[in-house]
Amino acid sequence: MLDEQAKKAMLLKIPHGLYICGVKDGEDVNGFTASWVMQGSFKPPIVVNCVKSDSGSNQMIRKSGVFAISFLEAGQKELAQKFFKPQRRVGNKFEDVEFYLGETGCPIISDALGYVECQVVGTVDHGDHTVFVGEVIAAGVHREGDPLRLESTGWQYGG
């Protein structure tokens, strides 16, 4: 039998970085704070990105087949917080955030440590998140620094 308390306690111990995932649908762009992101392969370079199934960004990734991950620096908690709420509730999250469009057309945060851009090569629909498997097709480093980690913010997302 599954011990719910033990399950939650252990799953909350999985370390997570915090990123801004940039997405697009035609000319429309959006971004959201992502924490369920990891490298999945060296050759080809693969990034796994888990996105809430009922979100607008999930639908944008499905339509475009691409996404970008901007790596946040420790101390950019406020920037991560800005991208937590759904676009339908807050409107244009990029209104006062400097960004540019990458090779995929997805938004990349200018003040991030760097980024990867991915072409979706697979999806897994199971549970309340979609697992997007993305092959890295472009990448860049803006500057050096330590990455922002979920644990350092006092927030919890998981369990």
C-alpha atoms as a PDB file:
ATOM      1  CA  MET A   1       0.000   0.000   0.000  1.00  0.00           C
ATOM      2  CA  LEU A   2       1.254   3.488  -0.846  1.00  0.00           C
ATOM      3  CA  ASP A   3       2.102   5.596   2.183  1.00  0.00           C
ATOM      4  CA  GLU A   4       0.978   9.063   0.996  1.00  0.00           C
ATOM      5  CA  GLN A   5       3.025  10.936   3.610  1.00  0.00           C
ATOM      6  CA  ALA A   6       6.206   9.031   2.780  1.00  0.00           C
ATOM      7  CA  LYS A   7       5.597   9.467  -0.966  1.00  0.00           C
ATOM      8  CA  LYS A   8       5.181  13.233  -0.610  1.00  0.00           C
ATOM      9  CA  ALA A   9       8.176  13.577   1.722  1.00  0.00           C
ATOM     10  CA  MET A  10      10.469  11.705  -0.654  1.00  0.00           C
ATOM     11  CA  LEU A  11       9.255  13.305  -3.886  1.00  0.00           C
ATOM     12  CA  LEU A  12       9.805  16.750  -2.361  1.00  0.00           C
ATOM     13  CA  LYS A  13      13.476  15.803  -1.891  1.00  0.00           C
ATOM     14  CA  ILE A  14      14.062  15.585  -5.651  1.00  0.00           C
ATOM     15  CA  PRO A  15      16.149  18.690  -6.469  1.00  0.00           C
ATOM     16  CA  HIS A  16      14.851  21.026  -9.183  1.00  0.00           C
ATOM     17  CA  GLY A  17      16.198  24.009 -11.014  1.00  0.00           C
ATOM     18  CA  LEU A  18      13.896  26.860 -12.012  1.00  0.00           C
ATOM     19  CA  TYR A  19      13.688  27.918 -15.640  1.00  0.00           C
ATOM     20  CA  ILE A  20      11.522  30.015 -17.913  1.00  0.00           C
ATOM     21  CA  CYS A  21      10.129  27.906 -20.734  1.00  0.00           C
ATOM     22  CA  GLY A  22       9.411  30.066 -23.779  1.00  0.00           C
ATOM     23  CA  VAL A  23       6.746  28.874 -26.204  1.00  0.00           C
ATOM     24  CA  LYS A  24       5.074  30.118 -29.353  1.00  0.00           C
ATOM     25  CA  ASP A  25       2.053  29.593 -31.563  1.00  0.00           C
ATOM     26  CA  GLY A  26       2.492  31.527 -34.795  1.00  0.00           C
ATOM     27  CA  GLU A  27       3.256  35.111 -33.733  1.00  0.00           C
ATOM     28  CA  ASP A  28       1.937  34.601 -30.187  1.00  0.00           C
ATOM     29  CA  VAL A  29       4.517  33.937 -27.466  1.00  0.00           C
ATOM     30  CA  ASN A  30       4.257  32.967 -23.823  1.00  0.00           C
ATOM     31  CA  GLY A  31       6.491  31.787 -21.028  1.00  0.00           C
ATOM     32  CA  PHE A  32       6.047  29.880 -17.808  1.00  0.00           C
ATOM     33  CA  THR A  33       8.175  28.886 -14.856  1.00  0.00           C
ATOM     34  CA  ALA A  34       9.281  25.283 -15.265  1.00  0.00           C
ATOM     35  CA  SER A  35      10.904  23.066 -12.663  1.00  0.00           C
ATOM     36  CA  TRP A  36      10.388  19.545 -14.008  1.00  0.00           C
ATOM     37  CA  VAL A  37      13.198  19.767 -16.569  1.00  0.00           C
ATOM     38  CA  MET A  38      16.194  17.456 -17.027  1.00  0.00           C
ATOM     39  CA  GLN A  39      18.758  16.254 -19.515  1.00  0.00           C
ATOM     40  CA  GLY A  40      17.781  12.896 -20.978  1.00  0.00           C
ATOM     41  CA  SER A  41      20.535  11.989 -23.477  1.00  0.00           C
ATOM     42  CA  PHE A  42      23.979  13.030 -24.701  1.00  0.00           C
ATOM     43  CA  LYS A  43      23.656  11.921 -28.339  1.00  0.00           C
ATOM     44  CA  PRO A  44      21.446  13.311 -29.543  1.00  0.00           C
ATOM     45  CA  PRO A  45      21.228  15.981 -26.828  1.00  0.00           C
ATOM     46  CA  ILE A  46      17.779  15.570 -25.256  1.00  0.00           C
ATOM     47  CA  VAL A  47      15.919  17.701 -22.706  1.00  0.00           C
ATOM     48  CA  VAL A  48      12.823  16.382 -20.950  1.00  0.00           C
ATOM     49  CA  ASN A  49      10.274  19.070 -20.048  1.00  0.00           C
ATOM     50  CA  CYS A  50       7.094  18.237 -18.103  1.00  0.00           C
ATOM     51  CA  VAL A  51       4.257  20.719 -18.723  1.00  0.00           C
ATOM     52  CA  LYS A  52       0.850  20.911 -17.036  1.00  0.00           C
ATOM     53  CA  SER A  53      -1.566  19.171 -19.402  1.00  0.00           C
ATOM     54  CA  ASP A  54      -4.390  21.706 -19.185  1.00  0.00           C
ATOM     55  CA  SER A  55      -2.201  24.786 -19.720  1.00  0.00           C
ATOM     56  CA  GLY A  56      -2.225  27.094 -22.724  1.00  0.00           C
ATOM     57  CA  SER A  57       1.539  26.659 -23.023  1.00  0.00           C
ATOM     58  CA  ASN A  58       1.101  22.901 -23.382  1.00  0.00           C
ATOM     59  CA  GLN A  59      -1.155  23.517 -26.364  1.00  0.00           C
ATOM     60  CA  MET A  60       1.342  25.998 -27.844  1.00  0.00           C
ATOM     61  CA  ILE A  61       4.134  23.399 -27.658  1.00  0.00           C
ATOM     62  CA  ARG A  62       1.887  20.796 -29.260  1.00  0.00           C
ATOM     63  CA  LYS A  63       1.056  23.144 -32.164  1.00  0.00           C
ATOM     64  CA  SER A  64       4.542  24.529 -32.786  1.00  0.00           C
ATOM     65  CA  GLY A  65       6.628  21.479 -31.870  1.00  0.00           C
ATOM     66  CA  VAL A  66       9.287  23.666 -30.214  1.00  0.00           C
ATOM     67  CA  PHE A  67      10.200  25.221 -26.861  1.00  0.00           C
ATOM     68  CA  ALA A  68      13.101  27.163 -25.336  1.00  0.00           C
ATOM     69  CA  ILE A  69      14.474  26.863 -21.799  1.00  0.00           C
ATOM     70  CA  SER A  70      16.079  29.978 -20.269  1.00  0.00           C
ATOM     71  CA  PHE A  71      18.284  29.078 -17.289  1.00  0.00           C
ATOM     72  CA  LEU A  72      17.729  31.460 -14.367  1.00  0.00           C
ATOM     73  CA  GLU A  73      20.456  32.593 -12.000  1.00  0.00           C
ATOM     74  CA  ALA A  74      20.341  32.279  -8.216  1.00  0.00           C
ATOM     75  CA  GLY A  75      18.729  35.517  -7.079  1.00  0.00           C
ATOM     76  CA  GLN A  76      16.211  35.691  -9.940  1.00  0.00           C
ATOM     77  CA  LYS A  77      13.342  34.449  -7.767  1.00  0.00           C
ATOM     78  CA  GLU A  78      11.174  37.476  -8.627  1.00  0.00           C
ATOM     79  CA  LEU A  79      11.555  36.743 -12.337  1.00  0.00           C
ATOM     80  CA  ALA A  80      10.555  33.116 -11.774  1.00  0.00           C
ATOM     81  CA  GLN A  81       7.555  34.265  -9.739  1.00  0.00           C
ATOM     82  CA  LYS A  82       6.392  36.566 -12.549  1.00  0.00           C
ATOM     83  CA  PHE A  83       5.969  33.597 -14.896  1.00  0.00           C
ATOM     84  CA  PHE A  84       4.084  31.290 -12.490  1.00  0.00           C
ATOM     85  CA  LYS A  85       0.562  32.537 -13.179  1.00  0.00           C
ATOM     86  CA  PRO A  86      -1.394  31.510 -16.292  1.00  0.00           C
ATOM     87  CA  GLN A  87      -1.334  33.956 -19.207  1.00  0.00           C
ATOM     88  CA  ARG A  88      -5.132  34.084 -19.263  1.00  0.00           C
ATOM     89  CA  ARG A  89      -5.019  35.617 -15.746  1.00  0.00           C
ATOM     90  CA  VAL A  90      -2.112  38.046 -16.072  1.00  0.00           C
ATOM     91  CA  GLY A  91      -1.847  38.834 -19.785  1.00  0.00           C
ATOM     92  CA  ASN A  92       1.553  39.510 -21.387  1.00  0.00           C
ATOM     93  CA  LYS A  93       4.177  38.272 -18.920  1.00  0.00           C
ATOM     94  CA  PHE A  94       6.954  39.609 -21.187  1.00  0.00           C
ATOM     95  CA  GLU A  95       5.661  43.185 -21.002  1.00  0.00           C
ATOM     96  CA  ASP A  96       8.537  44.415 -18.819  1.00  0.00           C
ATOM     97  CA  VAL A  97      11.023  41.552 -19.335  1.00  0.00           C
ATOM     98  CA  GLU A  98      13.767  41.894 -21.932  1.00  0.00           C
ATOM     99  CA  PHE A  99      13.765  38.929 -24.314  1.00  0.00           C
ATOM    100  CA  TYR A 100      14.499  38.004 -27.895  1.00  0.00           C
ATOM    101  CA  LEU A 101      13.240  35.312 -30.229  1.00  0.00           C
ATOM    102  CA  GLY A 102      15.568  32.397 -30.812  1.00  0.00           C
ATOM    103  CA  GLU A 103      16.026  30.261 -33.909  1.00  0.00           C
ATOM    104  CA  THR A 104      12.782  28.431 -33.114  1.00  0.00           C
ATOM    105  CA  GLY A 105      10.865  31.685 -32.718  1.00  0.00           C
ATOM    106  CA  CYS A 106      10.421  31.011 -29.000  1.00  0.00           C
ATOM    107  CA  PRO A 107      11.191  33.778 -26.479  1.00  0.00           C
ATOM    108  CA  ILE A 108      14.506  33.659 -24.606  1.00  0.00           C
ATOM    109  CA  ILE A 109      15.122  35.765 -21.477  1.00  0.00           C
ATOM    110  CA  SER A 110      18.015  38.165 -22.166  1.00  0.00           C
ATOM    111  CA  ASP A 111      19.092  38.293 -18.500  1.00  0.00           C
ATOM    112  CA  ALA A 112      19.196  34.491 -18.089  1.00  0.00           C
ATOM    113  CA  LEU A 113      22.440  32.539 -17.714  1.00  0.00           C
ATOM    114  CA  GLY A 114      21.773  31.028 -21.117  1.00  0.00           C
ATOM    115  CA  TYR A 115      19.332  28.838 -22.981  1.00  0.00           C
ATOM    116  CA  VAL A 116      18.616  25.758 -25.024  1.00  0.00           C
ATOM    117  CA  GLU A 117      16.069  25.534 -27.827  1.00  0.00           C
ATOM    118  CA  CYS A 118      14.391  22.225 -28.533  1.00  0.00           C
ATOM    119  CA  GLN A 119      12.447  20.490 -31.279  1.00  0.00           C
ATOM    120  CA  VAL A 120       9.869  18.097 -29.831  1.00  0.00           C
ATOM    121  CA  VAL A 121      10.706  14.525 -30.837  1.00  0.00           C
ATOM    122  CA  GLY A 122       8.320  12.712 -28.500  1.00  0.00           C
ATOM    123  CA  THR A 123       5.551  13.126 -25.955  1.00  0.00           C
ATOM    124  CA  VAL A 124       4.146  11.056 -23.140  1.00  0.00           C
ATOM    125  CA  ASP A 125       0.588  11.811 -22.018  1.00  0.00           C
ATOM    126  CA  HIS A 126       0.028  10.234 -18.639  1.00  0.00           C
ATOM    127  CA  GLY A 127      -1.058  11.924 -15.433  1.00  0.00           C
ATOM    128  CA  ASP A 128      -1.570  15.659 -15.053  1.00  0.00           C
ATOM    129  CA  HIS A 129       1.560  16.718 -16.979  1.00  0.00           C
ATOM    130  CA  THR A 130       2.722  16.015 -20.527  1.00  0.00           C
ATOM    131  CA  VAL A 131       6.314  14.866 -20.872  1.00  0.00           C
ATOM    132  CA  PHE A 132       7.814  16.630 -23.893  1.00  0.00           C
ATOM    133  CA  VAL A 133      11.040  15.090 -25.152  1.00  0.00           C
ATOM    134  CA  GLY A 134      12.999  17.772 -26.989  1.00  0.00           C
ATOM    135  CA  GLU A 135      16.137  17.473 -29.061  1.00  0.00           C
ATOM    136  CA  VAL A 136      18.429  20.456 -28.457  1.00  0.00           C
ATOM    137  CA  ILE A 137      18.849  22.265 -31.782  1.00  0.00           C
ATOM    138  CA  ALA A 138      20.351  25.557 -30.521  1.00  0.00           C
ATOM    139  CA  ALA A 139      22.026  26.774 -27.321  1.00  0.00           C
ATOM    140  CA  GLY A 140      23.833  29.795 -25.967  1.00  0.00           C
ATOM    141  CA  VAL A 141      25.583  31.105 -22.863  1.00  0.00           C
ATOM    142  CA  HIS A 142      24.879  34.710 -21.833  1.00  0.00           C
ATOM    143  CA  ARG A 143      27.070  34.742 -18.711  1.00  0.00           C
ATOM    144  CA  GLU A 144      28.434  32.618 -15.887  1.00  0.00           C
ATOM    145  CA  GLY A 145      26.618  32.169 -12.576  1.00  0.00           C
ATOM    146  CA  ASP A 146      24.947  29.717 -10.231  1.00  0.00           C
ATOM    147  CA  PRO A 147      21.531  28.386 -11.278  1.00  0.00           C
ATOM    148  CA  LEU A 148      18.335  29.173  -9.378  1.00  0.00           C
ATOM    149  CA  ARG A 149      17.060  26.125  -7.504  1.00  0.00           C
ATOM    150  CA  LEU A 150      13.542  25.574  -6.236  1.00  0.00           C
ATOM    151  CA  GLU A 151      14.842  24.634  -2.799  1.00  0.00           C
ATOM    152  CA  SER A 152      16.476  28.071  -2.351  1.00  0.00           C
ATOM    153  CA  THR A 153      13.165  29.909  -2.868  1.00  0.00           C
ATOM    154  CA  GLY A 154      11.182  28.300  -0.040  1.00  0.00           C
ATOM    155  CA  TRP A 155       8.582  27.199  -2.609  1.00  0.00           C
ATOM    156  CA  GLN A 156       7.416  23.628  -3.125  1.00  0.00           C
ATOM    157  CA  TYR A 157       6.272  22.083  -6.380  1.00  0.00           C
ATOM    158  CA  GLY A 158       5.985  18.359  -6.182  1.00  0.00           C
ATOM    159  CA  GLY A 159       5.010  15.523  -3.937  1.00  0.00           C
END
